[in-house]
Amino acid sequence: AQIERSLGLPPWRAHRDQPGTDDAAEAHGGDFRGRFLSLALEAYRRDKISRGKLHHLGRLVGTSATAIDDLLERLGFLDDDEIPPPEE
């Protein structure tokens, strides 16, 4: 939940059109997303995956590359030369 708050993510909403989706699955979906993103960030921190792969994994759970980069910058995981210029 802390990662999700840091990224400013809305509450997890499971896709109702998927078979077997119910309220219990939806309640645990947020736990999954937070854990998934935590593991992806840890893999990036350990240089096991690239920033592009981290962005891809984030998109799989509804997180934008910009939100991930903002978090990486706040955590100090980006070098100055990796920080994208502000969009105007």
C-alpha atoms as a PDB file:
ATOM      1  CA  ALA A   1       0.000   0.000   0.000  1.00  0.00           C
ATOM      2  CA  GLN A   2       2.904   2.360   0.670  1.00  0.00           C
ATOM      3  CA  ILE A   3       4.249   1.965  -2.877  1.00  0.00           C
ATOM      4  CA  GLU A   4       0.781   2.598  -4.264  1.00  0.00           C
ATOM      5  CA  ARG A   5       0.408   5.747  -2.154  1.00  0.00           C
ATOM      6  CA  SER A   6       3.863   6.935  -3.238  1.00  0.00           C
ATOM      7  CA  LEU A   7       2.875   6.474  -6.862  1.00  0.00           C
ATOM      8  CA  GLY A   8      -0.525   8.099  -6.315  1.00  0.00           C
ATOM      9  CA  LEU A   9      -2.319   5.062  -7.705  1.00  0.00           C
ATOM     10  CA  PRO A  10      -6.083   4.724  -7.497  1.00  0.00           C
ATOM     11  CA  PRO A  11      -7.482   1.706  -5.656  1.00  0.00           C
ATOM     12  CA  TRP A  12      -7.042  -1.569  -7.522  1.00  0.00           C
ATOM     13  CA  ARG A  13     -10.067  -2.599  -9.566  1.00  0.00           C
ATOM     14  CA  ALA A  14     -10.098  -6.154 -10.860  1.00  0.00           C
ATOM     15  CA  HIS A  15     -11.604  -6.587 -14.302  1.00  0.00           C
ATOM     16  CA  ARG A  16     -15.168  -7.751 -13.800  1.00  0.00           C
ATOM     17  CA  ASP A  17     -15.185  -9.459 -17.178  1.00  0.00           C
ATOM     18  CA  GLN A  18     -12.524 -11.949 -16.096  1.00  0.00           C
ATOM     19  CA  PRO A  19     -13.910 -15.307 -15.008  1.00  0.00           C
ATOM     20  CA  GLY A  20     -13.765 -15.909 -11.265  1.00  0.00           C
ATOM     21  CA  THR A  21     -13.428 -12.227 -10.330  1.00  0.00           C
ATOM     22  CA  ASP A  22     -15.304 -11.350  -7.181  1.00  0.00           C
ATOM     23  CA  ASP A  23     -15.088  -8.898  -4.290  1.00  0.00           C
ATOM     24  CA  ALA A  24     -12.527 -11.036  -2.443  1.00  0.00           C
ATOM     25  CA  ALA A  25     -10.257 -11.088  -5.483  1.00  0.00           C
ATOM     26  CA  GLU A  26     -10.625  -7.337  -5.782  1.00  0.00           C
ATOM     27  CA  ALA A  27      -9.747  -6.841  -2.119  1.00  0.00           C
ATOM     28  CA  HIS A  28      -6.511  -8.805  -2.589  1.00  0.00           C
ATOM     29  CA  GLY A  29      -5.701  -7.156  -5.914  1.00  0.00           C
ATOM     30  CA  GLY A  30      -4.226  -4.103  -4.212  1.00  0.00           C
ATOM     31  CA  ASP A  31      -1.964  -6.348  -2.161  1.00  0.00           C
ATOM     32  CA  PHE A  32      -0.825  -8.017  -5.359  1.00  0.00           C
ATOM     33  CA  ARG A  33      -0.110  -4.740  -7.157  1.00  0.00           C
ATOM     34  CA  GLY A  34       1.867  -3.323  -4.244  1.00  0.00           C
ATOM     35  CA  ARG A  35       3.905  -6.494  -3.858  1.00  0.00           C
ATOM     36  CA  PHE A  36       4.431  -6.766  -7.623  1.00  0.00           C
ATOM     37  CA  LEU A  37       5.701  -3.190  -7.843  1.00  0.00           C
ATOM     38  CA  SER A  38       7.885  -3.644  -4.759  1.00  0.00           C
ATOM     39  CA  LEU A  39       9.537  -6.688  -6.315  1.00  0.00           C
ATOM     40  CA  ALA A  40       9.994  -4.893  -9.638  1.00  0.00           C
ATOM     41  CA  LEU A  41      11.598  -1.905  -7.893  1.00  0.00           C
ATOM     42  CA  GLU A  42      13.902  -4.210  -5.947  1.00  0.00           C
ATOM     43  CA  ALA A  43      14.959  -5.972  -9.161  1.00  0.00           C
ATOM     44  CA  TYR A  44      15.713  -2.582 -10.732  1.00  0.00           C
ATOM     45  CA  ARG A  45      17.666  -1.469  -7.655  1.00  0.00           C
ATOM     46  CA  ARG A  46      19.788  -4.615  -7.909  1.00  0.00           C
ATOM     47  CA  ASP A  47      20.388  -4.021 -11.647  1.00  0.00           C
ATOM     48  CA  LYS A  48      18.533  -7.221 -12.558  1.00  0.00           C
ATOM     49  CA  ILE A  49      16.120  -5.414 -14.906  1.00  0.00           C
ATOM     50  CA  SER A  50      16.382  -2.260 -16.975  1.00  0.00           C
ATOM     51  CA  ARG A  51      14.382   0.910 -16.438  1.00  0.00           C
ATOM     52  CA  GLY A  52      12.471   0.116 -19.629  1.00  0.00           C
ATOM     53  CA  LYS A  53      11.511  -3.294 -18.226  1.00  0.00           C
ATOM     54  CA  LEU A  54      10.461  -1.633 -14.959  1.00  0.00           C
ATOM     55  CA  HIS A  55       8.235   0.726 -16.968  1.00  0.00           C
ATOM     56  CA  HIS A  56       6.742  -2.247 -18.822  1.00  0.00           C
ATOM     57  CA  LEU A  57       6.028  -4.116 -15.592  1.00  0.00           C
ATOM     58  CA  GLY A  58       4.442  -1.007 -14.121  1.00  0.00           C
ATOM     59  CA  ARG A  59       2.134  -0.659 -17.127  1.00  0.00           C
ATOM     60  CA  LEU A  60       0.971  -4.244 -16.579  1.00  0.00           C
ATOM     61  CA  VAL A  61      -0.557  -3.151 -13.274  1.00  0.00           C
ATOM     62  CA  GLY A  62      -1.737   0.290 -14.377  1.00  0.00           C
ATOM     63  CA  THR A  63       1.232   2.464 -13.400  1.00  0.00           C
ATOM     64  CA  SER A  64       2.640   5.046 -15.802  1.00  0.00           C
ATOM     65  CA  ALA A  65       6.340   5.364 -16.617  1.00  0.00           C
ATOM     66  CA  THR A  66       6.190   8.956 -15.349  1.00  0.00           C
ATOM     67  CA  ALA A  67       4.872   7.822 -11.951  1.00  0.00           C
ATOM     68  CA  ILE A  68       7.617   5.208 -11.717  1.00  0.00           C
ATOM     69  CA  ASP A  69      10.316   7.718 -12.683  1.00  0.00           C
ATOM     70  CA  ASP A  70       8.996  10.183 -10.099  1.00  0.00           C
ATOM     71  CA  LEU A  71       9.235   7.485  -7.432  1.00  0.00           C
ATOM     72  CA  LEU A  72      12.717   6.430  -8.563  1.00  0.00           C
ATOM     73  CA  GLU A  73      13.859  10.038  -8.320  1.00  0.00           C
ATOM     74  CA  ARG A  74      12.370  10.478  -4.822  1.00  0.00           C
ATOM     75  CA  LEU A  75      14.036   7.246  -3.694  1.00  0.00           C
ATOM     76  CA  GLY A  76      17.376   8.330  -5.159  1.00  0.00           C
ATOM     77  CA  PHE A  77      17.522   5.435  -7.633  1.00  0.00           C
ATOM     78  CA  LEU A  78      18.117   7.644 -10.675  1.00  0.00           C
ATOM     79  CA  ASP A  79      21.454   9.250 -11.488  1.00  0.00           C
ATOM     80  CA  ASP A  80      21.352  12.878 -12.579  1.00  0.00           C
ATOM     81  CA  ASP A  81      21.998  11.874 -16.190  1.00  0.00           C
ATOM     82  CA  GLU A  82      19.035   9.460 -16.090  1.00  0.00           C
ATOM     83  CA  ILE A  83      16.470  12.006 -14.931  1.00  0.00           C
ATOM     84  CA  PRO A  84      14.346  13.024 -17.906  1.00  0.00           C
ATOM     85  CA  PRO A  85      14.029  16.783 -18.536  1.00  0.00           C
ATOM     86  CA  PRO A  86      10.746  18.325 -17.384  1.00  0.00           C
ATOM     87  CA  GLU A  87       8.076  18.434 -20.035  1.00  0.00           C
ATOM     88  CA  GLU A  88       6.934  21.900 -21.057  1.00  0.00           C
END
